[in-house]
Amino acid sequence: MNFDGSQVVIGRGAQAEVLRYHGYAYKVYKPTYPAEWIAFEKDQQTAVNQAGLCSVRYYDTDDEHIIKMDLIEGEELEKKVREGFLEGFDILAGAFRKVHEASVKGVLMPHLMDTAGMGLSMEETEEIFPIITRLCDTYPSCICHLDMHFLNIMLPRDGSEYQIIDWMNARIAPAVFDYARTHVIFDEFAKEAVDFYMKAVAADIAALGITDEDFHDAVKVCAVLRKKEKGE
């Protein structure tokens, strides 16, 4: 696919940049990024669309390394939080509840148990899989975003409800892993926000019956998986 020069870069990551172009957003991946991973991302988005968790649709293009998407005109929640909007933590807590309360019936999404071991060493597998197994046996599973933070919550300019984006990591798993994953992300990038985050989600974690020990064990799992993602 060829752009006519009117495209504008509105986002950039390690593997792709996002362009605004003729009323849509286009995610343009590096040519070296595996096409099967892009296809998986599109499948994930279809699953969350069907679950009613995000209205943004993905569309095929004539280039397997470019995804066309509905454009959200707005800003990331991250920007408002940096400006002092502490209510952003309440929005984050609400986003977790919205995702976890969605029905998993008919949702075609992999389970954390089925994918967590990919790329791990034997030592890492032996460290985290007993925890994953125990927590999966202890708590009910639900849809988990597993990358929930302020950059992945968009606030539309028209005042409509926020949109949760970037569902590549989403899995079926107990909610404790979703809360733990975000704890790991805050601890990595914004340690000063960890206490605000934990206060915002404490009541929901308690309502699910998640013990402190189980939460900390889930954090251990997510820390290992996060390091593997970063190639450490």
Protein backbone atom coordinates (compact mmCIF):
# COMPACT_ATOMS: atom_id res chain seq x y z
CA MET A 1 0.00 0.00 0.00
CA ASN A 2 1.19 3.50 -0.83
CA PHE A 3 0.43 6.68 1.13
CA ASP A 4 -0.05 9.97 -0.74
CA GLY A 5 2.08 12.09 1.60
CA SER A 6 -0.75 13.45 3.73
CA GLN A 7 -0.22 10.89 6.51
CA VAL A 8 0.80 12.12 9.96
CA VAL A 9 2.68 10.08 12.56
CA ILE A 10 0.61 9.94 15.77
CA GLY A 11 2.44 7.15 17.59
CA ARG A 12 5.65 5.21 17.46
CA GLY A 13 6.82 2.02 19.17
CA ALA A 14 9.69 -0.43 18.96
CA GLN A 15 8.14 -2.41 16.11
CA ALA A 16 5.65 -0.09 14.44
CA GLU A 17 4.47 3.46 13.96
CA VAL A 18 0.87 4.64 13.79
CA LEU A 19 -0.26 7.12 11.13
CA ARG A 20 -3.37 9.24 10.78
CA TYR A 21 -4.47 9.01 7.15
CA HIS A 22 -7.78 9.85 5.43
CA GLY A 23 -9.87 9.48 8.59
CA TYR A 24 -8.32 6.21 9.79
CA ALA A 25 -5.28 5.09 11.76
CA TYR A 26 -2.72 2.82 10.11
CA LYS A 27 -0.29 0.69 12.10
CA VAL A 28 2.80 0.18 9.96
CA TYR A 29 5.13 -2.56 11.17
CA LYS A 30 8.77 -3.01 10.35
CA PRO A 31 9.24 -5.49 7.47
CA THR A 32 11.13 -7.82 9.83
CA TYR A 33 8.19 -8.12 12.22
CA PRO A 34 6.59 -11.59 11.77
CA ALA A 35 3.41 -11.45 9.72
CA GLU A 36 1.88 -14.23 11.82
CA TRP A 37 2.14 -12.02 14.92
CA ILE A 38 0.28 -9.26 13.09
CA ALA A 39 -2.41 -11.76 12.10
CA PHE A 40 -2.64 -12.81 15.76
CA GLU A 41 -3.09 -9.17 16.82
CA LYS A 42 -5.99 -8.83 14.39
CA ASP A 43 -7.57 -12.00 15.79
CA GLN A 44 -7.20 -10.58 19.30
CA GLN A 45 -8.95 -7.37 18.29
CA THR A 46 -11.81 -9.34 16.73
CA ALA A 47 -12.20 -11.24 20.01
CA VAL A 48 -12.40 -8.08 22.13
CA ASN A 49 -14.82 -6.52 19.62
CA GLN A 50 -17.07 -9.56 20.03
CA ALA A 51 -16.78 -9.32 23.82
CA GLY A 52 -17.91 -5.68 23.66
CA LEU A 53 -14.70 -4.37 25.20
CA CYS A 54 -13.52 -2.10 22.40
CA SER A 55 -15.34 -0.60 19.43
CA VAL A 56 -12.19 0.03 17.37
CA ARG A 57 -12.20 -2.24 14.33
CA TYR A 58 -9.20 -3.55 12.41
CA TYR A 59 -9.26 -3.88 8.62
CA ASP A 60 -7.04 -5.75 6.19
CA THR A 61 -4.93 -3.89 3.65
CA ASP A 62 -3.00 -5.12 0.63
CA ASP A 63 0.17 -5.15 2.76
CA GLU A 64 0.37 -7.81 5.49
CA HIS A 65 2.57 -5.45 7.54
CA ILE A 66 0.00 -2.65 7.64
CA ILE A 67 -3.24 -2.70 9.65
CA LYS A 68 -5.99 -0.16 9.03
CA MET A 69 -7.88 0.82 12.18
CA ASP A 70 -10.75 3.05 13.27
CA LEU A 71 -9.27 6.34 14.42
CA ILE A 72 -9.85 7.58 17.98
CA GLU A 73 -9.70 11.37 18.03
CA GLY A 74 -8.54 12.12 21.54
CA GLU A 75 -5.65 11.76 23.94
CA GLU A 76 -4.06 9.09 26.07
CA LEU A 77 -5.04 9.07 29.75
CA GLU A 78 -1.29 9.28 30.47
CA LYS A 79 -1.24 12.93 29.36
CA LYS A 80 -3.98 13.99 31.79
CA VAL A 81 -2.43 12.05 34.68
CA ARG A 82 0.90 13.80 34.09
CA GLU A 83 -1.00 17.09 34.31
CA GLY A 84 -2.21 16.10 37.80
CA PHE A 85 -5.46 14.30 36.99
CA LEU A 86 -5.32 11.75 39.83
CA GLU A 87 -8.84 10.58 38.97
CA GLY A 88 -7.04 8.72 36.22
CA PHE A 89 -6.35 5.95 38.73
CA ASP A 90 -10.10 5.56 39.26
CA ILE A 91 -10.58 5.31 35.50
CA LEU A 92 -7.85 2.65 35.42
CA ALA A 93 -9.60 0.69 38.19
CA GLY A 94 -12.89 0.95 36.29
CA ALA A 95 -11.21 -0.29 33.11
CA PHE A 96 -10.07 -3.42 34.94
CA ARG A 97 -13.59 -4.06 36.20
CA LYS A 98 -15.06 -3.58 32.73
CA VAL A 99 -12.66 -6.13 31.23
CA HIS A 100 -12.94 -8.69 34.01
CA GLU A 101 -16.76 -8.59 34.08
CA ALA A 102 -17.09 -9.33 30.36
CA SER A 103 -18.34 -12.77 29.41
CA VAL A 104 -15.73 -15.21 28.14
CA LYS A 105 -18.36 -17.34 26.43
CA GLY A 106 -17.43 -17.79 22.79
CA VAL A 107 -14.36 -15.54 23.06
CA LEU A 108 -11.53 -17.01 20.99
CA MET A 109 -8.50 -15.97 23.00
CA PRO A 110 -5.61 -18.08 24.32
CA HIS A 111 -5.28 -18.95 27.98
CA LEU A 112 -2.27 -17.67 29.89
CA MET A 113 -1.37 -21.27 30.76
CA ASP A 114 -1.01 -22.08 27.07
CA THR A 115 1.36 -19.26 26.14
CA ALA A 116 3.29 -18.21 29.25
CA GLY A 117 6.08 -20.70 28.66
CA MET A 118 7.01 -19.45 25.21
CA GLY A 119 10.69 -18.53 25.10
CA LEU A 120 11.34 -19.25 28.77
CA SER A 121 14.31 -21.21 30.01
CA MET A 122 13.78 -24.44 31.92
CA GLU A 123 14.72 -22.62 35.13
CA GLU A 124 12.20 -19.83 34.50
CA THR A 125 9.49 -22.35 33.61
CA GLU A 126 10.10 -24.28 36.82
CA GLU A 127 9.94 -21.02 38.78
CA ILE A 128 6.64 -19.67 37.49
CA PHE A 129 4.50 -22.55 36.26
CA PRO A 130 3.70 -23.98 39.70
CA ILE A 131 2.45 -20.50 40.64
CA ILE A 132 0.40 -20.10 37.46
CA THR A 133 -1.13 -23.55 37.93
CA ARG A 134 -1.98 -22.92 41.58
CA LEU A 135 -3.55 -19.51 40.95
CA CYS A 136 -5.52 -20.81 37.97
CA ASP A 137 -6.87 -23.58 40.17
CA THR A 138 -7.70 -21.10 42.96
CA TYR A 139 -9.43 -18.26 41.12
CA PRO A 140 -11.93 -18.12 38.23
CA SER A 141 -10.61 -17.04 34.87
CA CYS A 142 -11.78 -14.01 32.91
CA ILE A 143 -10.53 -11.85 30.08
CA CYS A 144 -7.33 -10.08 31.16
CA HIS A 145 -5.78 -7.22 29.19
CA LEU A 146 -2.30 -7.85 30.66
CA ASP A 147 -0.93 -4.49 29.53
CA MET A 148 -3.31 -2.11 31.28
CA HIS A 149 -1.81 1.33 31.91
CA PHE A 150 -2.50 4.97 31.11
CA LEU A 151 -0.99 4.85 27.62
CA ASN A 152 -3.49 2.15 26.65
CA ILE A 153 -6.59 4.07 27.69
CA MET A 154 -7.78 6.69 25.21
CA LEU A 155 -10.09 9.58 26.09
CA PRO A 156 -12.13 10.60 22.99
CA ARG A 157 -12.46 14.35 22.41
CA ASP A 158 -16.20 14.02 21.83
CA GLY A 159 -16.68 13.05 25.49
CA SER A 160 -17.74 9.46 24.77
CA GLU A 161 -16.55 6.60 26.97
CA TYR A 162 -12.85 5.85 27.15
CA GLN A 163 -11.45 3.17 24.86
CA ILE A 164 -9.01 0.49 25.98
CA ILE A 165 -6.48 -0.22 23.23
CA ASP A 166 -3.54 -2.54 22.48
CA TRP A 167 -4.93 -6.01 23.21
CA MET A 168 -1.98 -8.02 21.89
CA ASN A 169 -1.15 -9.44 25.35
CA ALA A 170 -4.74 -10.25 26.33
CA ARG A 171 -5.36 -13.75 27.68
CA ILE A 172 -7.95 -15.77 29.56
CA ALA A 173 -6.61 -15.96 33.11
CA PRO A 174 -7.47 -15.13 36.73
CA ALA A 175 -7.74 -11.36 37.29
CA VAL A 176 -4.89 -11.45 39.80
CA PHE A 177 -2.43 -11.64 36.89
CA ASP A 178 -3.90 -8.51 35.28
CA TYR A 179 -3.52 -6.48 38.47
CA ALA A 180 -0.04 -7.91 39.05
CA ARG A 181 1.14 -7.12 35.53
CA THR A 182 0.21 -3.45 35.90
CA HIS A 183 1.98 -3.36 39.28
CA VAL A 184 5.15 -4.57 37.51
CA ILE A 185 4.77 -1.89 34.81
CA PHE A 186 4.30 0.93 37.35
CA ASP A 187 7.22 -0.36 39.42
CA GLU A 188 9.38 -0.26 36.28
CA PHE A 189 8.38 3.13 34.88
CA ALA A 190 6.75 5.16 37.67
CA LYS A 191 7.54 3.86 41.16
CA GLU A 192 5.95 6.95 42.68
CA ALA A 193 2.61 5.83 41.21
CA VAL A 194 2.58 2.32 42.71
CA ASP A 195 0.91 3.39 45.97
CA PHE A 196 -1.76 5.41 44.11
CA TYR A 197 -2.40 2.41 41.88
CA MET A 198 -2.70 -0.09 44.71
CA LYS A 199 -5.08 2.17 46.65
CA ALA A 200 -7.28 2.51 43.55
CA VAL A 201 -7.62 -1.24 42.97
CA ALA A 202 -7.40 -2.50 46.57
CA ALA A 203 -11.17 -2.86 47.08
CA ASP A 204 -11.61 -4.77 43.81
CA ILE A 205 -8.72 -7.10 44.59
CA ALA A 206 -10.17 -7.75 48.05
CA ALA A 207 -13.65 -8.37 46.59
CA LEU A 208 -12.17 -11.13 44.43
CA GLY A 209 -10.75 -12.80 47.54
CA ILE A 210 -7.16 -12.39 46.34
CA THR A 211 -4.74 -12.74 49.24
CA ASP A 212 -1.59 -10.66 49.63
CA GLU A 213 0.50 -13.80 49.19
CA ASP A 214 -1.22 -14.74 45.94
CA PHE A 215 -0.92 -11.20 44.62
CA HIS A 216 2.81 -11.11 45.31
CA ASP A 217 3.24 -14.53 43.70
CA ALA A 218 1.44 -13.23 40.60
CA VAL A 219 3.81 -10.25 40.58
CA LYS A 220 6.73 -12.69 40.53
CA VAL A 221 5.24 -14.41 37.48
CA CYS A 222 4.60 -11.16 35.65
CA ALA A 223 8.09 -9.87 36.43
CA VAL A 224 9.64 -12.95 34.82
CA LEU A 225 7.42 -12.67 31.75
CA ARG A 226 8.13 -8.95 31.48
CA LYS A 227 11.90 -9.53 31.52
CA LYS A 228 11.53 -12.10 28.77
CA GLU A 229 9.55 -9.63 26.65
CA LYS A 230 12.36 -7.12 27.00
CA GLY A 231 14.95 -9.73 26.02
CA GLU A 232 16.71 -9.67 29.38
